[in-house]
């Protein structure tokens, strides 16, 4: 297992879930510290599933400790940046998904995690990963079409 590559994947996952680079770095470091102390997972080849499971749980713990700040109503997109509105629409659509749907999309498409690792992290079968990911993507498409022009 390439630790640098997996570290980057877990960091991106945590950053997306938490929204704060500092918190994502802390959670990622804690995830790898726990992985290093759990020799059984390293030896059995189940490291990626273990890493995602620990990261997801630590992110949930961190998220519970922080307070949400609402976006201002008069938020305007800077001139010449049409991507800002697209990113906001995507963030809003992702927020409308369930936690598991969001995790599936993030792990599979943002981090390109293998189906086996996603299945292990979420405690579901590989078939369920495929089925639930397809359903989550359909839901995401529907949500984005509703917000579109």
Protein backbone atom coordinates (compact mmCIF):
# COMPACT_ATOMS: atom_id res chain seq x y z
CA UNK A 1 0.00 0.00 0.00
CA UNK A 2 1.31 3.43 -0.99
CA UNK A 3 0.93 5.41 2.25
CA UNK A 4 1.39 8.82 0.56
CA UNK A 5 -1.41 8.11 -1.92
CA UNK A 6 -3.75 6.78 0.76
CA UNK A 7 -2.91 9.70 3.05
CA UNK A 8 -3.93 12.12 0.28
CA UNK A 9 -7.17 10.22 -0.31
CA UNK A 10 -8.09 10.15 3.36
CA UNK A 11 -7.17 13.84 3.72
CA UNK A 12 -9.41 14.80 0.74
CA UNK A 13 -12.22 12.72 2.19
CA UNK A 14 -11.87 14.42 5.60
CA UNK A 15 -11.52 17.87 4.03
CA UNK A 16 -14.73 17.42 2.11
CA UNK A 17 -16.59 16.14 5.15
CA UNK A 18 -15.27 18.79 7.56
CA UNK A 19 -14.59 21.78 5.30
CA UNK A 20 -11.56 22.87 7.31
CA UNK A 21 -8.01 22.07 6.17
CA UNK A 22 -6.71 22.19 9.75
CA UNK A 23 -9.39 19.85 11.08
CA UNK A 24 -8.97 17.52 8.09
CA UNK A 25 -5.22 17.36 8.71
CA UNK A 26 -5.76 16.55 12.41
CA UNK A 27 -8.32 13.84 11.66
CA UNK A 28 -6.14 12.35 8.92
CA UNK A 29 -3.16 12.20 11.23
CA UNK A 30 -5.23 10.59 13.97
CA UNK A 31 -6.57 8.07 11.43
CA UNK A 32 -3.06 7.01 10.43
CA UNK A 33 -1.88 6.90 14.03
CA UNK A 34 -4.69 4.48 14.81
CA UNK A 35 -3.88 2.45 11.69
CA UNK A 36 -0.21 2.21 12.68
CA UNK A 37 -1.19 0.91 16.11
CA UNK A 38 -3.53 -1.74 14.60
CA UNK A 39 -1.03 -4.19 13.11
CA UNK A 40 -3.70 -6.78 12.27
CA UNK A 41 -5.26 -4.67 9.54
CA UNK A 42 -1.91 -3.91 7.91
CA UNK A 43 -1.00 -7.58 7.82
CA UNK A 44 -4.34 -8.79 6.48
CA UNK A 45 -4.50 -6.36 3.57
CA UNK A 46 -7.63 -4.58 4.81
CA UNK A 47 -5.92 -1.25 5.40
CA UNK A 48 -7.97 0.96 3.10
CA UNK A 49 -11.32 -0.16 4.50
CA UNK A 50 -9.99 0.33 8.01
CA UNK A 51 -8.66 3.82 7.16
CA UNK A 52 -12.00 4.96 5.72
CA UNK A 53 -13.93 3.54 8.66
CA UNK A 54 -11.72 5.30 11.22
CA UNK A 55 -11.71 8.55 9.21
CA UNK A 56 -15.50 8.50 8.85
CA UNK A 57 -15.97 7.97 12.58
CA UNK A 58 -13.44 10.66 13.52
CA UNK A 59 -15.05 13.11 11.08
CA UNK A 60 -18.43 12.41 12.63
CA UNK A 61 -17.01 13.05 16.09
CA UNK A 62 -15.38 16.27 14.92
CA UNK A 63 -18.54 17.41 13.11
CA UNK A 64 -20.63 16.91 16.25
CA UNK A 65 -18.26 19.18 18.19
CA UNK A 66 -18.46 22.11 15.76
CA UNK A 67 -21.31 24.54 15.19
CA UNK A 68 -22.63 25.26 11.71
CA UNK A 69 -22.51 28.79 10.36
CA UNK A 70 -25.26 29.66 7.88
CA UNK A 71 -24.36 31.19 4.53
CA UNK A 72 -25.29 34.85 4.15
CA UNK A 73 -28.45 35.44 2.11
CA UNK A 74 -26.77 38.07 -0.07
CA UNK A 75 -23.92 35.81 -1.20
CA UNK A 76 -22.93 36.99 -4.67
CA UNK A 77 -20.74 35.23 -7.20
CA UNK A 78 -17.68 37.17 -8.31
CA UNK A 79 -17.81 38.40 -11.91
CA UNK A 80 -16.30 36.03 -14.41
CA UNK A 81 -16.62 32.95 -12.16
CA UNK A 82 -19.61 30.90 -13.28
CA UNK A 83 -18.13 27.86 -11.49
CA UNK A 84 -18.94 29.31 -8.07
CA UNK A 85 -22.67 28.84 -8.56
CA UNK A 86 -22.12 25.33 -9.90
CA UNK A 87 -20.02 24.43 -6.86
CA UNK A 88 -22.65 25.85 -4.52
CA UNK A 89 -25.39 23.90 -6.30
CA UNK A 90 -23.32 20.72 -6.06
CA UNK A 91 -22.57 21.32 -2.38
CA UNK A 92 -26.27 21.88 -1.72
CA UNK A 93 -27.23 18.73 -3.64
CA UNK A 94 -24.59 16.68 -1.79
CA UNK A 95 -25.92 18.02 1.51
CA UNK A 96 -29.38 16.72 0.56
CA UNK A 97 -28.04 13.16 0.27
CA UNK A 98 -27.98 10.86 3.29
CA UNK A 99 -24.65 10.43 5.08
CA UNK A 100 -24.12 7.02 3.51
CA UNK A 101 -25.01 8.24 0.00
CA UNK A 102 -22.59 11.14 0.40
CA UNK A 103 -19.86 8.81 1.69
CA UNK A 104 -20.39 6.48 -1.27
CA UNK A 105 -20.07 9.30 -3.80
CA UNK A 106 -17.05 10.81 -2.06
CA UNK A 107 -15.18 7.55 -1.66
CA UNK A 108 -15.91 6.16 -5.12
CA UNK A 109 -15.67 9.29 -7.28
CA UNK A 110 -13.64 11.87 -5.40
CA UNK A 111 -11.10 9.44 -3.98
CA UNK A 112 -11.52 6.63 -6.53
CA UNK A 113 -11.53 4.05 -3.74
CA UNK A 114 -11.96 0.43 -4.80
CA UNK A 115 -15.40 -1.08 -4.30
CA UNK A 116 -14.01 -3.59 -1.81
CA UNK A 117 -12.57 -0.84 0.38
CA UNK A 118 -15.84 1.11 0.30
CA UNK A 119 -17.79 -2.03 1.17
CA UNK A 120 -15.48 -2.75 4.10
CA UNK A 121 -15.60 0.83 5.35
CA UNK A 122 -19.40 1.00 5.26
CA UNK A 123 -20.02 -2.58 6.36
CA UNK A 124 -22.05 -3.51 3.26
CA UNK A 125 -21.57 -5.95 0.38
CA UNK A 126 -19.87 -5.06 -2.89
CA UNK A 127 -23.21 -5.50 -4.67
CA UNK A 128 -24.81 -3.04 -2.24
CA UNK A 129 -22.04 -0.54 -2.99
CA UNK A 130 -22.84 -0.71 -6.71
CA UNK A 131 -26.59 -0.52 -6.18
CA UNK A 132 -26.51 2.26 -3.58
CA UNK A 133 -23.95 4.29 -5.52
CA UNK A 134 -26.14 4.15 -8.64
CA UNK A 135 -29.16 5.25 -6.58
CA UNK A 136 -27.18 8.09 -4.98
CA UNK A 137 -25.99 9.32 -8.38
CA UNK A 138 -29.56 9.23 -9.73
CA UNK A 139 -30.72 11.23 -6.71
CA UNK A 140 -27.86 13.70 -7.19
CA UNK A 141 -28.72 14.15 -10.89
CA UNK A 142 -32.36 14.79 -9.98
CA UNK A 143 -31.41 17.34 -7.33
CA UNK A 144 -29.07 19.16 -9.70
CA UNK A 145 -31.72 19.26 -12.46
CA UNK A 146 -34.23 20.78 -10.03
CA UNK A 147 -31.78 23.56 -9.14
CA UNK A 148 -30.70 24.11 -12.75
CA UNK A 149 -31.95 26.66 -15.29
